[in-house]
């Protein structure tokens, strides 16, 4: 079990709905301190969010009270609140697990630390004559992982707050490398802009482009998609940039006609 020297705490921490509800509770400050202490303890254990004394011995409320230097009743209030809010779960043998731990932390970095320590320990067992390392992992290696974590956060364009408050917004998820929340109406609207375009194929091309250019992540994805579709239309040439055989939607008809919809899309997603 290899300890890490830091945990990730997003700047939107106090904007989270659950944290705001906790702040309105009695002894809110103590409860929040206990939550931070739980996160740091999970980081020290570095077991994917599990918190226990040993694999067979869970922490009791009394143990937490002693470790956190907080009154027992306050500890029990905090743990009950975290459980009710879905912030922690009690697994087998009453072992606590931080919910969605992977969203709190850089899992790749923590796995890297565990692997480095495993290799280090294996080499030490193979060469018992060598002196043991003074530290489980070199500080410069930890610094490299910290820098990599910051870089990954920028690439992903996603934080714990964004995950909680996404609310169905159309995004490209740099973690899963897929589009999210694209609706049938979106496909229909984009087809109006370029009827000759196979939207699903174009979305796949854009997906690969975003993956290849992940070091410069996009944010305004609707505008990005529509701009791509319009540029694709213009690249085909003919008739002042319109693809061969393409006819702009009929300008006649009442409000809500194809042309009205086309103009509305162009104004909304002007690039």
Protein backbone atom coordinates (compact mmCIF):
# COMPACT_ATOMS: atom_id res chain seq x y z
CA UNK A 1 0.00 0.00 0.00
CA UNK A 2 1.78 3.16 -1.23
CA UNK A 3 0.91 6.58 0.10
CA UNK A 4 0.55 9.65 -2.13
CA UNK A 5 1.54 13.13 -1.03
CA UNK A 6 -1.41 15.10 -2.39
CA UNK A 7 -5.06 14.87 -3.38
CA UNK A 8 -6.97 16.93 -5.96
CA UNK A 9 -9.51 19.48 -4.74
CA UNK A 10 -11.35 21.46 -7.44
CA UNK A 11 -11.76 25.22 -7.08
CA UNK A 12 -15.54 24.80 -7.47
CA UNK A 13 -15.60 22.68 -4.30
CA UNK A 14 -17.84 25.10 -2.40
CA UNK A 15 -20.17 25.55 -5.39
CA UNK A 16 -21.23 21.90 -5.23
CA UNK A 17 -24.88 21.43 -4.23
CA UNK A 18 -24.11 18.88 -1.52
CA UNK A 19 -21.45 21.09 0.05
CA UNK A 20 -23.86 24.04 0.09
CA UNK A 21 -26.44 21.88 1.89
CA UNK A 22 -23.83 20.81 4.43
CA UNK A 23 -22.88 24.45 5.04
CA UNK A 24 -26.47 25.12 6.11
CA UNK A 25 -26.30 22.39 8.78
CA UNK A 26 -25.33 22.74 12.43
CA UNK A 27 -21.59 22.28 13.00
CA UNK A 28 -21.09 22.70 9.25
CA UNK A 29 -17.43 23.71 9.57
CA UNK A 30 -16.55 20.60 11.55
CA UNK A 31 -18.45 18.38 9.10
CA UNK A 32 -16.56 19.89 6.14
CA UNK A 33 -13.23 19.45 7.92
CA UNK A 34 -14.08 15.79 8.51
CA UNK A 35 -14.88 15.39 4.79
CA UNK A 36 -11.47 16.83 3.83
CA UNK A 37 -9.80 14.57 6.39
CA UNK A 38 -11.58 11.54 4.87
CA UNK A 39 -10.35 12.50 1.39
CA UNK A 40 -6.76 12.90 2.58
CA UNK A 41 -6.95 9.59 4.47
CA UNK A 42 -8.20 7.87 1.31
CA UNK A 43 -5.26 9.41 -0.55
CA UNK A 44 -2.82 8.09 2.03
CA UNK A 45 -4.29 4.60 1.74
CA UNK A 46 -4.25 4.88 -2.10
CA UNK A 47 -6.68 1.98 -2.48
CA UNK A 48 -9.12 3.45 -5.04
CA UNK A 49 -11.10 5.35 -2.41
CA UNK A 50 -11.33 2.59 0.22
CA UNK A 51 -10.60 3.62 3.82
CA UNK A 52 -9.70 0.97 6.40
CA UNK A 53 -7.23 0.23 9.18
CA UNK A 54 -6.39 -3.13 7.59
CA UNK A 55 -8.22 -5.11 4.90
CA UNK A 56 -10.04 -7.01 7.66
CA UNK A 57 -10.45 -4.19 10.18
CA UNK A 58 -12.60 -1.15 9.27
CA UNK A 59 -12.33 2.17 11.03
CA UNK A 60 -14.96 2.70 13.73
CA UNK A 61 -16.60 6.01 14.62
CA UNK A 62 -14.46 6.09 17.76
CA UNK A 63 -11.29 5.61 15.73
CA UNK A 64 -12.23 8.47 13.41
CA UNK A 65 -12.97 10.67 16.42
CA UNK A 66 -9.47 10.01 17.74
CA UNK A 67 -7.70 10.36 14.38
CA UNK A 68 -9.56 13.53 13.38
CA UNK A 69 -9.50 15.03 16.88
CA UNK A 70 -13.23 15.78 16.72
CA UNK A 71 -16.13 14.95 19.10
CA UNK A 72 -17.65 11.51 18.58
CA UNK A 73 -21.18 12.87 18.05
CA UNK A 74 -19.92 15.27 15.37
CA UNK A 75 -18.10 12.44 13.60
CA UNK A 76 -21.26 10.33 13.62
CA UNK A 77 -23.31 13.28 12.29
CA UNK A 78 -20.77 13.80 9.49
CA UNK A 79 -20.62 10.13 8.47
CA UNK A 80 -24.42 9.84 8.47
CA UNK A 81 -24.66 12.98 6.31
CA UNK A 82 -22.05 11.73 3.84
CA UNK A 83 -23.83 8.39 3.57
CA UNK A 84 -27.27 10.01 3.05
CA UNK A 85 -25.82 12.34 0.38
CA UNK A 86 -24.18 9.43 -1.43
CA UNK A 87 -20.69 10.79 -0.79
CA UNK A 88 -19.54 7.55 0.86
CA UNK A 89 -20.66 3.92 0.83
CA UNK A 90 -20.24 1.21 3.44
CA UNK A 91 -18.87 -1.87 1.73
CA UNK A 92 -18.36 -5.39 3.10
CA UNK A 93 -17.23 -5.52 6.74
CA UNK A 94 -18.33 -1.86 7.16
CA UNK A 95 -15.33 -0.59 5.17
CA UNK A 96 -15.90 2.96 3.87
CA UNK A 97 -15.41 3.85 0.20
CA UNK A 98 -15.44 7.39 -1.19
CA UNK A 99 -18.08 7.51 -3.94
CA UNK A 100 -16.73 8.37 -7.41
CA UNK A 101 -13.17 8.51 -6.07
CA UNK A 102 -11.85 8.46 -9.64
CA UNK A 103 -13.58 11.83 -10.25
CA UNK A 104 -11.78 13.35 -7.25
CA UNK A 105 -8.31 12.22 -8.20
CA UNK A 106 -5.85 11.50 -10.96
CA UNK A 107 -6.22 7.72 -11.09
CA UNK A 108 -3.45 7.31 -13.67
CA UNK A 109 -1.01 9.09 -11.38
CA UNK A 110 -1.96 7.01 -8.35
CA UNK A 111 -1.71 3.78 -10.32
CA UNK A 112 1.72 4.91 -11.51
CA UNK A 113 2.83 5.42 -7.90
CA UNK A 114 1.59 1.95 -6.90
CA UNK A 115 3.36 0.37 -9.86
CA UNK A 116 6.64 2.18 -9.14
CA UNK A 117 6.58 1.01 -5.54
CA UNK A 118 5.74 -2.54 -6.59
CA UNK A 119 8.72 -2.61 -8.96
CA UNK A 120 10.96 -1.01 -6.33
CA UNK A 121 9.97 -3.58 -3.72
CA UNK A 122 10.44 -6.44 -6.19
CA UNK A 123 13.97 -5.26 -7.04
CA UNK A 124 14.74 -4.92 -3.35
CA UNK A 125 13.65 -8.51 -2.68
CA UNK A 126 15.76 -9.74 -5.58
CA UNK A 127 18.84 -7.90 -4.27
CA UNK A 128 18.66 -8.08 -0.44
CA UNK A 129 22.25 -6.87 -0.11
CA UNK A 130 21.32 -3.44 -1.40
CA UNK A 131 20.29 -0.80 1.17
CA UNK A 132 16.55 -0.07 1.23
CA UNK A 133 15.36 3.13 -0.47
CA UNK A 134 15.07 6.09 1.84
CA UNK A 135 11.64 6.97 0.43
CA UNK A 136 8.91 4.88 -1.24
CA UNK A 137 9.16 7.05 -4.34
CA UNK A 138 11.43 9.83 -5.50
CA UNK A 139 10.12 13.35 -5.07
CA UNK A 140 11.00 14.23 -8.66
CA UNK A 141 8.81 11.35 -9.86
CA UNK A 142 5.92 12.68 -7.78
CA UNK A 143 6.47 16.16 -9.28
CA UNK A 144 6.32 14.68 -12.78
CA UNK A 145 3.04 12.97 -11.96
CA UNK A 146 1.66 16.22 -10.52
CA UNK A 147 2.57 18.09 -13.72
CA UNK A 148 0.99 15.31 -15.79
CA UNK A 149 -2.18 15.58 -13.69
CA UNK A 150 -2.44 19.30 -14.42
CA UNK A 151 -1.92 18.62 -18.13
CA UNK A 152 -4.60 15.92 -18.15
CA UNK A 153 -7.06 18.21 -16.39
CA UNK A 154 -6.57 20.79 -19.15
CA UNK A 155 -6.98 18.18 -21.90
CA UNK A 156 -10.05 16.62 -20.41
CA UNK A 157 -11.75 19.98 -19.96
CA UNK A 158 -13.72 18.44 -17.13
CA UNK A 159 -13.81 18.77 -13.34
CA UNK A 160 -15.81 17.16 -10.58
CA UNK A 161 -18.12 20.19 -10.61
CA UNK A 162 -18.67 19.85 -14.37
CA UNK A 163 -19.55 16.17 -13.97
CA UNK A 164 -22.15 16.96 -11.30
CA UNK A 165 -23.67 20.02 -13.00
CA UNK A 166 -23.41 19.04 -16.69
CA UNK A 167 -27.20 18.96 -17.00
CA UNK A 168 -27.35 17.38 -20.46
CA UNK A 169 -25.16 19.93 -22.26
CA UNK A 170 -23.71 18.77 -25.58
CA UNK A 171 -20.02 18.09 -25.00
CA UNK A 172 -17.11 16.03 -26.27
CA UNK A 173 -15.89 14.02 -23.29
CA UNK A 174 -12.10 13.89 -23.48
CA UNK A 175 -12.11 11.14 -20.85
CA UNK A 176 -14.29 8.67 -22.77
CA UNK A 177 -13.33 10.13 -26.19
CA UNK A 178 -16.99 10.30 -27.23
CA UNK A 179 -19.72 12.82 -27.90
CA UNK A 180 -22.37 13.20 -25.20
CA UNK A 181 -25.97 14.45 -25.29
CA UNK A 182 -26.38 14.70 -29.06
CA UNK A 183 -30.12 14.39 -29.80
CA UNK A 184 -32.12 13.42 -32.88
CA UNK A 185 -33.20 17.05 -33.18
CA UNK A 186 -29.53 18.07 -33.35
CA UNK A 187 -28.94 15.63 -36.23
CA UNK A 188 -32.03 16.96 -38.01
CA UNK A 189 -30.96 20.59 -37.58
CA UNK A 190 -27.43 19.96 -38.86
CA UNK A 191 -28.83 18.11 -41.88
CA UNK A 192 -30.72 21.29 -42.80
CA UNK A 193 -27.43 23.21 -43.03
CA UNK A 194 -25.87 20.61 -45.34
CA UNK A 195 -28.40 18.08 -46.69
CA UNK A 196 -25.68 16.20 -48.61
CA UNK A 197 -23.68 15.61 -45.45
CA UNK A 198 -23.80 12.27 -43.62
CA UNK A 199 -23.92 13.75 -40.12
CA UNK A 200 -22.95 10.54 -38.31
CA UNK A 201 -19.88 10.07 -40.50
CA UNK A 202 -18.93 13.73 -40.07
CA UNK A 203 -19.30 13.47 -36.28
CA UNK A 204 -16.92 10.50 -36.31
CA UNK A 205 -14.39 12.50 -38.36
CA UNK A 206 -14.69 15.37 -35.87
CA UNK A 207 -14.29 12.93 -32.97
CA UNK A 208 -11.01 11.64 -34.38
CA UNK A 209 -9.84 15.22 -35.01
CA UNK A 210 -10.56 16.21 -31.39
CA UNK A 211 -8.66 13.16 -30.13
CA UNK A 212 -5.68 13.96 -32.37
CA UNK A 213 -5.70 17.60 -31.18
CA UNK A 214 -6.40 16.89 -27.50
CA UNK A 215 -3.57 19.21 -26.43
CA UNK A 216 -5.74 22.13 -27.60
CA UNK A 217 -9.21 21.16 -26.35
CA UNK A 218 -12.36 22.84 -27.65
CA UNK A 219 -15.13 24.15 -25.40
CA UNK A 220 -17.98 25.52 -27.58
CA UNK A 221 -18.87 22.23 -29.20
CA UNK A 222 -22.14 23.22 -30.92
CA UNK A 223 -20.42 26.08 -32.65
CA UNK A 224 -17.52 23.77 -33.54
CA UNK A 225 -19.85 21.17 -35.10
CA UNK A 226 -21.89 23.64 -37.13
CA UNK A 227 -18.78 25.47 -38.32
CA UNK A 228 -17.30 22.18 -39.49
CA UNK A 229 -20.47 21.21 -41.39
CA UNK A 230 -20.66 24.61 -43.11
CA UNK A 231 -16.98 24.54 -44.06
CA UNK A 232 -17.46 21.04 -45.45
CA UNK A 233 -20.30 22.39 -47.57
CA UNK A 234 -18.17 25.26 -48.91
CA UNK A 235 -15.19 23.01 -49.68
CA UNK A 236 -17.27 21.02 -52.17
CA UNK A 237 -17.40 24.08 -54.42
CA UNK A 238 -19.77 25.04 -57.19
CA UNK A 239 -22.53 27.63 -57.12
CA UNK A 240 -20.60 30.02 -54.88
CA UNK A 241 -19.55 27.38 -52.43
CA UNK A 242 -22.64 25.19 -52.53
CA UNK A 243 -22.14 21.51 -53.24
CA UNK A 244 -23.22 20.17 -56.60
CA UNK A 245 -26.89 19.38 -56.63
CA UNK A 246 -27.47 21.24 -53.34
CA UNK A 247 -30.51 23.48 -53.15
CA UNK A 248 -30.96 25.93 -50.31
CA UNK A 249 -34.27 25.27 -48.48
CA UNK A 250 -37.40 26.80 -49.98
CA UNK A 251 -37.77 30.46 -49.00
CA UNK A 252 -41.52 30.38 -49.41
CA UNK A 253 -44.03 29.32 -46.81
CA UNK A 254 -45.14 30.42 -43.40
CA UNK A 255 -43.00 31.01 -40.34
CA UNK A 256 -41.27 27.81 -39.35
CA UNK A 257 -40.51 26.77 -42.95
CA UNK A 258 -37.25 25.07 -43.89
CA UNK A 259 -35.67 28.38 -44.85
CA UNK A 260 -36.61 29.99 -41.51
CA UNK A 261 -35.04 27.07 -39.71
CA UNK A 262 -31.91 27.34 -41.86
CA UNK A 263 -31.51 31.05 -41.13
CA UNK A 264 -32.14 30.53 -37.44
CA UNK A 265 -29.37 27.92 -37.30
CA UNK A 266 -26.95 30.14 -39.18
CA UNK A 267 -27.59 33.06 -36.80
CA UNK A 268 -27.39 30.87 -33.70
CA UNK A 269 -24.16 29.14 -34.67
CA UNK A 270 -22.44 31.89 -36.66
CA UNK A 271 -18.73 31.16 -36.90
